[in-house]
N, C-alpha and C. Protein backbone atom coordinates (compact mmCIF):
# COMPACT_ATOMS: atom_id res chain seq x y z
N MET A 1 161.80 147.57 56.31
CA MET A 1 162.56 147.36 57.24
C MET A 1 161.56 145.70 57.91
N LEU A 2 162.45 144.66 57.59
CA LEU A 2 162.12 143.53 57.81
C LEU A 2 162.43 143.50 59.44
N GLY A 3 160.95 143.01 60.45
CA GLY A 3 161.21 143.19 62.08
C GLY A 3 160.11 143.06 62.32
N THR A 4 159.85 142.20 63.35
CA THR A 4 158.26 142.52 64.41
C THR A 4 158.29 143.25 64.92
N GLY A 5 159.39 143.34 65.87
CA GLY A 5 159.77 143.80 67.35
C GLY A 5 159.83 145.29 67.54
N MET A 6 159.54 146.08 68.59
CA MET A 6 159.76 147.06 68.82
C MET A 6 161.25 147.91 68.57
N PRO A 7 162.12 147.60 68.49
CA PRO A 7 163.31 147.53 68.17
C PRO A 7 163.00 148.16 66.94
N THR A 8 162.69 148.05 65.86
CA THR A 8 161.89 148.79 64.34
C THR A 8 162.24 149.90 64.67
N LEU A 9 161.52 150.28 65.62
CA LEU A 9 160.78 151.93 65.95
C LEU A 9 161.19 153.02 65.80
N GLU A 10 162.28 152.53 66.51
CA GLU A 10 163.53 153.69 66.37
C GLU A 10 164.57 154.24 65.17
N PRO A 11 164.73 152.94 65.19
CA PRO A 11 165.67 153.10 63.36
C PRO A 11 164.81 153.78 62.87
N ILE A 12 163.88 153.60 62.15
CA ILE A 12 162.84 154.58 61.41
C ILE A 12 162.39 156.16 61.98
N LEU A 13 162.39 156.04 63.04
CA LEU A 13 162.44 157.44 63.29
C LEU A 13 163.45 158.21 63.40
N GLU A 14 164.45 157.52 63.31
CA GLU A 14 165.89 158.47 63.14
C GLU A 14 166.52 159.01 61.18
N ARG A 15 165.72 157.67 60.89
CA ARG A 15 165.69 158.02 58.78
C ARG A 15 164.09 156.89 57.93
N PRO A 16 162.66 158.33 58.36
CA PRO A 16 161.96 157.75 58.29
C PRO A 16 161.58 157.20 56.40
N ASP A 17 162.73 158.23 55.83
CA ASP A 17 162.54 157.74 54.64
C ASP A 17 164.58 156.94 53.72
N VAL A 18 164.34 156.78 52.60
CA VAL A 18 165.17 156.50 52.35
C VAL A 18 165.18 156.59 50.70
N GLY A 19 166.01 158.06 50.21
CA GLY A 19 165.58 157.88 48.40
C GLY A 19 164.05 158.49 48.54
N GLY A 20 163.49 159.36 48.84
CA GLY A 20 162.28 159.08 49.56
C GLY A 20 161.01 158.39 49.56
N ALA A 21 161.68 157.02 49.82
CA ALA A 21 160.59 155.40 49.81
C ALA A 21 160.41 155.82 50.98
N PRO A 22 158.85 155.87 51.84
CA PRO A 22 159.35 155.51 53.30
C PRO A 22 159.82 153.94 53.97
N VAL A 23 160.07 153.99 55.04
CA VAL A 23 160.02 153.06 55.29
C VAL A 23 159.53 152.95 56.44
N MET A 24 159.23 151.23 56.49
CA MET A 24 158.08 150.66 57.40
C MET A 24 158.37 149.50 57.79
N SER A 25 157.91 149.07 59.13
CA SER A 25 158.02 147.11 59.40
C SER A 25 156.82 147.03 59.83
N CYS A 26 156.51 145.69 60.10
CA CYS A 26 155.76 145.10 60.58
C CYS A 26 154.52 145.98 62.03
N MET A 27 156.01 146.39 63.00
CA MET A 27 155.28 146.88 63.75
C MET A 27 154.40 147.98 63.77
N LEU A 28 155.32 149.02 62.93
CA LEU A 28 155.13 150.07 63.14
C LEU A 28 153.52 150.21 61.55
N CYS A 29 153.07 149.84 61.50
CA CYS A 29 152.18 149.36 60.55
C CYS A 29 150.87 148.91 61.33
N LEU A 30 151.28 148.10 62.78
CA LEU A 30 150.26 147.78 63.04
C LEU A 30 150.13 148.53 64.44
N GLY A 31 151.06 149.26 64.62
CA GLY A 31 150.61 150.51 65.44
C GLY A 31 149.33 151.73 64.59
N TRP A 32 149.70 151.79 63.31
CA TRP A 32 149.55 152.74 63.29
C TRP A 32 147.74 152.06 62.44
N ALA A 33 147.56 150.86 61.99
CA ALA A 33 146.49 150.31 61.89
C ALA A 33 146.07 150.16 63.21
N SER A 34 146.30 149.62 64.44
CA SER A 34 145.77 150.19 66.03
C SER A 34 145.14 151.49 65.98
N ILE A 35 146.26 152.00 66.15
CA ILE A 35 145.16 153.68 66.65
C ILE A 35 144.17 154.17 65.61
N ASP A 36 143.99 154.35 64.34
CA ASP A 36 143.31 154.42 63.32
C ASP A 36 142.26 154.00 63.94
N ALA A 37 141.87 152.86 64.32
CA ALA A 37 140.51 151.26 64.45
C ALA A 37 140.58 152.21 65.78
N VAL A 38 141.08 152.47 66.75
CA VAL A 38 140.76 152.85 68.03
C VAL A 38 140.15 154.20 67.79
N ARG A 39 140.02 155.26 67.06
CA ARG A 39 139.89 156.71 66.85
C ARG A 39 138.76 156.51 65.74
N GLY A 40 138.65 155.53 65.30
CA GLY A 40 137.31 155.67 63.85
C GLY A 40 138.08 156.07 62.97
N VAL A 41 139.30 156.38 63.14
CA VAL A 41 139.66 157.26 62.07
C VAL A 41 140.03 156.37 60.23
N LYS A 42 139.58 157.52 59.29
CA LYS A 42 139.83 155.96 58.01
C LYS A 42 141.47 156.32 57.48
N PRO A 43 141.85 155.31 57.47
CA PRO A 43 143.08 155.22 56.96
C PRO A 43 143.16 156.05 55.81
N ASP A 44 144.72 156.92 55.41
CA ASP A 44 144.89 157.50 54.29
C ASP A 44 146.56 157.44 54.24
N ALA A 45 147.30 157.93 52.91
CA ALA A 45 148.58 158.09 53.02
C ALA A 45 149.32 159.07 53.10
N ALA A 46 148.43 159.95 53.65
CA ALA A 46 149.33 161.46 54.17
C ALA A 46 149.50 160.73 55.64
N ALA A 47 148.55 160.11 56.19
CA ALA A 47 148.10 159.82 57.56
C ALA A 47 149.41 158.49 58.31
N LEU A 48 149.60 158.20 57.10
CA LEU A 48 150.48 156.55 57.20
C LEU A 48 151.97 157.72 57.27
N LEU A 49 152.10 158.72 55.95
CA LEU A 49 153.38 159.15 55.95
C LEU A 49 153.70 159.82 58.03
N ASN A 50 152.88 160.87 58.29
CA ASN A 50 152.81 161.39 58.95
C ASN A 50 153.20 160.92 60.41
N PHE A 51 152.76 159.40 60.36
CA PHE A 51 153.14 158.51 61.14
C PHE A 51 154.31 157.99 61.22
N ILE A 52 155.06 157.97 60.06
CA ILE A 52 156.25 157.30 59.51
C ILE A 52 157.58 158.19 60.15
N ARG A 53 156.96 159.67 60.28
CA ARG A 53 157.94 160.50 60.79
C ARG A 53 157.83 160.84 62.48
N GLY A 54 156.25 159.88 62.69
CA GLY A 54 156.95 159.99 64.60
C GLY A 54 155.83 160.69 65.28
N GLU A 55 155.24 160.96 64.81
CA GLU A 55 153.91 162.48 64.12
C GLU A 55 152.63 161.07 65.77
N GLY A 56 152.67 161.83 67.16
CA GLY A 56 152.21 161.09 68.44
C GLY A 56 152.91 160.06 69.04
N TRP A 57 154.15 159.59 68.29
CA TRP A 57 155.00 158.42 69.22
C TRP A 57 156.21 158.69 69.26
N GLY A 58 156.77 159.56 68.36
CA GLY A 58 157.87 159.66 68.37
C GLY A 58 158.63 160.17 69.53
N PRO A 59 158.26 161.15 69.97
CA PRO A 59 158.82 161.96 70.89
C PRO A 59 159.03 161.67 72.21
N ARG A 60 157.86 160.58 72.93
CA ARG A 60 157.47 159.63 73.59
C ARG A 60 158.64 158.05 73.49
N LEU A 61 158.55 157.64 72.25
CA LEU A 61 159.92 157.13 71.96
C LEU A 61 160.96 157.26 72.68
N ARG A 62 161.37 158.25 72.38
CA ARG A 62 162.68 159.00 72.61
C ARG A 62 162.85 159.47 74.08
N GLU A 63 161.70 159.55 74.62
CA GLU A 63 162.17 159.77 76.42
C GLU A 63 162.22 158.61 76.69
N ARG A 64 162.02 157.16 76.14
CA ARG A 64 162.14 156.33 76.85
C ARG A 64 163.54 155.36 76.49
N ALA A 65 164.01 155.85 75.59
CA ALA A 65 165.29 155.79 75.16
C ALA A 65 166.14 155.79 76.05
N VAL A 66 167.56 154.49 76.06
CA VAL A 66 168.22 154.03 77.18
C VAL A 66 169.42 154.33 76.23
N LYS A 67 169.78 155.98 77.04
CA LYS A 67 170.78 156.80 77.08
C LYS A 67 172.36 156.05 77.27
């Protein structure tokens, strides 16, 4: 998904993959890489897929969503 803003996160959370391929945006990747860097965690594919599915951030985003 092309887009650098936070608005890309909600659609990714709603549909984290299309036809088995993960959906990513610049903002999602930046967030994932930043969090792993701060935690001192070595990035890997499994962690990325979990992050794309909203692990760690999805519930907080849903709480803040305007209804």
